[in-house]
Protein backbone atom coordinates (compact mmCIF):
# COMPACT_ATOMS: atom_id res chain seq x y z
CA MET A 1 105.61 101.62 113.89
CA ARG A 2 109.25 100.61 114.38
CA ASP A 3 111.11 98.56 111.79
CA HIS A 4 108.53 98.93 109.05
CA THR A 5 108.94 99.46 105.35
CA PHE A 6 105.87 100.71 103.52
CA LYS A 7 105.20 100.80 99.80
CA ILE A 8 103.38 103.94 98.68
CA LEU A 9 101.80 104.14 95.24
CA VAL A 10 101.92 107.79 94.15
CA THR A 11 99.44 108.09 91.32
CA GLY A 12 96.97 110.44 89.64
CA PRO A 13 96.39 112.25 86.36
CA PHE A 14 99.00 113.59 83.96
CA ALA A 15 100.84 116.68 85.31
CA ALA A 16 99.14 116.54 88.73
CA GLY A 17 102.40 116.72 90.71
CA LYS A 18 103.35 113.09 91.39
CA THR A 19 107.01 113.55 90.41
CA SER A 20 107.12 116.85 92.31
CA LEU A 21 105.91 115.11 95.48
CA ILE A 22 108.56 112.41 95.27
CA GLN A 23 111.32 114.88 94.36
CA SER A 24 110.36 117.24 97.18
CA VAL A 25 110.60 114.62 99.95
CA SER A 26 112.93 111.84 98.80
CA GLN A 27 116.05 111.55 100.92
CA THR A 28 117.80 109.58 98.20
CA ASP A 29 118.39 110.44 94.57
CA VAL A 30 115.11 109.96 92.72
CA VAL A 31 115.10 107.26 90.07
CA SER A 32 113.25 108.90 87.21
CA THR A 33 112.12 107.83 83.77
CA ASP A 34 111.20 111.30 82.57
CA VAL A 35 111.49 112.01 78.86
CA VAL A 36 110.76 115.05 76.72
CA THR A 37 107.02 115.45 76.28
CA SER A 38 105.56 115.38 72.79
CA GLY A 39 102.31 116.31 71.12
CA ASP A 40 99.60 118.22 73.00
CA GLU A 41 101.17 117.20 76.32
CA SER A 42 104.17 119.44 75.57
CA ASP A 43 101.84 122.44 75.98
CA VAL A 44 101.33 121.39 79.62
CA LYS A 45 104.88 120.45 80.66
CA ALA A 46 108.30 119.81 79.13
CA HIS A 47 109.05 116.36 80.61
CA THR A 48 106.87 113.42 81.62
CA THR A 49 107.24 110.11 83.43
CA VAL A 50 106.94 107.09 81.13
CA ALA A 51 107.61 104.18 83.52
CA MET A 52 108.00 105.29 87.13
CA ASP A 53 109.65 107.57 89.66
CA PHE A 54 111.14 106.08 92.80
CA GLY A 55 112.23 107.80 95.99
CA THR A 56 112.61 106.97 99.67
CA TYR A 57 111.90 108.65 102.96
CA THR A 58 113.07 107.44 106.39
CA VAL A 59 111.60 108.78 109.61
CA ASP A 60 114.37 109.99 111.94
CA GLY A 61 114.71 107.95 115.13
CA ASP A 62 112.50 105.15 113.83
CA ASP A 63 113.18 102.46 111.34
CA VAL A 64 110.18 103.49 109.30
CA ARG A 65 110.93 103.62 105.60
CA LEU A 66 108.63 104.82 102.87
CA LEU A 67 109.26 103.53 99.37
CA MET A 68 107.49 105.89 96.98
CA PHE A 69 106.62 104.55 93.53
CA GLY A 70 105.27 107.24 91.18
CA THR A 71 103.21 106.22 88.18
CA PRO A 72 102.88 107.88 84.78
CA GLY A 73 99.69 109.87 84.37
CA GLN A 74 98.99 109.31 80.68
CA PRO A 75 96.42 106.64 79.81
CA ARG A 76 98.81 104.98 77.33
CA PHE A 77 101.19 104.18 80.21
CA ARG A 78 98.45 103.03 82.63
CA PHE A 79 99.81 99.48 82.49
CA MET A 80 102.66 100.70 84.73
CA THR A 81 100.15 101.47 87.49
CA ASN A 82 98.97 97.87 87.28
CA ILE A 83 102.57 96.67 87.60
CA LEU A 84 103.50 99.01 90.46
CA LYS A 85 100.37 98.53 92.57
CA GLY A 86 101.35 95.05 93.79
CA ASP A 87 101.78 94.77 97.58
CA VAL A 88 101.09 98.48 98.07
CA ASP A 89 100.32 99.63 101.63
CA ILE A 90 98.75 102.98 100.81
CA VAL A 91 97.86 105.15 97.82
CA ALA A 92 98.87 108.80 97.59
CA PHE A 93 96.50 110.07 94.91
CA VAL A 94 97.62 113.45 93.57
CA ILE A 95 95.17 115.75 91.82
CA ASP A 96 95.83 119.23 90.45
CA ALA A 97 93.07 121.54 91.73
CA GLU A 98 93.53 123.86 88.76
CA ALA A 99 93.42 121.18 86.01
CA ARG A 100 89.64 120.83 85.95
CA GLN A 101 89.76 118.95 82.64
CA THR A 102 91.36 116.00 84.48
CA HIS A 103 88.90 115.78 87.36
CA ALA A 104 86.22 113.53 85.82
CA SER A 105 88.67 110.84 84.69
CA ALA A 106 90.64 111.21 87.94
CA GLY A 107 87.50 110.39 89.92
CA VAL A 108 86.92 107.23 87.89
CA GLU A 109 90.56 106.19 88.31
CA LEU A 110 90.56 106.92 92.06
CA ARG A 111 87.46 104.85 92.85
CA SER A 112 88.50 101.99 90.55
CA LEU A 113 92.00 101.78 92.00
CA LEU A 114 90.89 101.90 95.63
CA SER A 115 88.11 99.35 95.17
CA ASP A 116 90.66 97.05 93.53
CA LEU A 117 93.42 97.55 96.13
CA ARG A 118 91.38 97.97 99.33
CA VAL A 119 94.10 100.01 101.03
CA PRO A 120 93.92 103.44 102.64
CA ALA A 121 94.43 106.57 100.59
CA VAL A 122 95.67 110.09 101.07
CA ILE A 123 94.31 112.51 98.49
CA ALA A 124 96.87 115.28 97.88
CA VAL A 125 95.17 118.23 96.20
CA ASN A 126 98.05 120.08 94.58
CA ARG A 127 97.98 123.81 93.78
CA CYS A 128 95.46 124.33 96.54
CA ASN A 129 95.88 126.35 99.75
CA ASP A 130 92.53 125.69 101.42
CA ASP A 131 91.66 122.43 103.21
CA GLY A 132 87.91 122.99 102.74
CA THR A 133 88.32 123.44 98.98
CA ALA A 134 90.58 120.38 98.83
CA LYS A 135 88.03 118.24 100.69
CA ARG A 136 85.16 119.39 98.49
CA LEU A 137 87.17 118.57 95.35
CA ALA A 138 88.24 115.16 96.68
CA ARG A 139 84.66 114.28 97.68
CA SER A 140 83.39 115.36 94.24
CA LEU A 141 85.86 112.86 92.76
CA GLY A 142 84.46 110.09 94.94
CA ALA A 143 86.85 110.13 97.90
CA LEU A 144 85.10 108.70 100.94
CA ASP A 145 84.64 110.63 104.19
CA GLY A 146 87.24 108.45 105.94
CA GLU A 147 89.94 109.10 103.35
CA SER A 148 92.52 111.72 104.25
CA VAL A 149 92.62 114.85 102.10
CA ILE A 150 95.36 117.47 102.22
CA ALA A 151 95.74 120.76 100.36
CA CYS A 152 99.31 121.19 99.17
CA GLN A 153 101.80 122.97 96.94
CA LEU A 154 104.06 120.12 95.84
CA ASN A 155 106.78 122.35 94.43
CA ASP A 156 107.46 123.26 98.10
CA PRO A 157 109.36 120.59 100.09
CA ASP A 158 107.60 121.62 103.33
CA SER A 159 104.23 120.99 101.71
CA GLY A 160 105.47 117.63 100.40
CA ARG A 161 106.55 116.70 103.93
CA GLU A 162 103.04 117.54 105.17
CA VAL A 163 101.70 114.98 102.70
CA VAL A 164 104.23 112.43 104.04
CA VAL A 165 103.08 113.16 107.61
CA GLU A 166 99.48 112.53 106.53
CA ILE A 167 100.57 109.26 104.91
CA LEU A 168 102.30 108.21 108.16
CA ILE A 169 99.24 109.12 110.26
CA THR A 170 97.01 107.13 107.91
CA LEU A 171 99.36 104.12 108.03
CA LEU A 172 99.49 104.27 111.84
CA ALA A 173 95.69 104.32 112.02
CA LYS A 174 95.56 101.27 109.71
CA ILE A 175 98.05 99.39 111.92
CA GLU A 176 96.06 100.25 115.04
CA ARG A 177 92.79 99.07 113.45
CA THR A 178 94.46 95.82 112.37
CA GLU A 179 95.91 95.22 115.84
CA LEU A 180 92.53 95.91 117.48
CA ALA A 181 90.77 93.55 115.08
CA THR A 182 93.39 90.86 115.71
CA SER A 183 93.28 91.22 119.50
CA GLY A 184 89.48 91.20 119.45
CA ALA A 185 89.47 88.02 117.38
CA GLU A 186 91.82 86.31 119.87
CA VAL A 187 89.60 87.22 122.85
CA SER A 188 86.51 85.59 121.32
């Protein structure tokens, strides 16, 4: 995986932890478009992303760079997801285990996005400490058995790094599958 730059789309429902993930792991200053939240959303959190968050992560010793593009979670800003999803290598879909009111629409969004993009996904189940619970929630949202699921606490940088490790493992597996398919096609 040397000398690779990967584009990660960090997406999910409003207040799931997308900005927290990027802020917890980015090795550069995060570009943020957060503004003061208004209306009913202000009861949930004080600031919200209206365009995107952007952060980077470079693996030490390798020239592997992750470019993390975080989307807004509110439906009225969904057009930004459509803009940011171009040429994405993997989706990091963040869901808040405790925000049950977001789960139904998150499942619809997850399946729609992945069927459109046809790239691997890592489902980060925020505010969850149990892998079994995280997997059950992700599967109930429509995540497939082959999609990686990780329980996390995205306000903790160590937990955010665990999500990044899962993203890297998933990307490596994709590269290996592609190389095997290519080498098999050349042998025929």
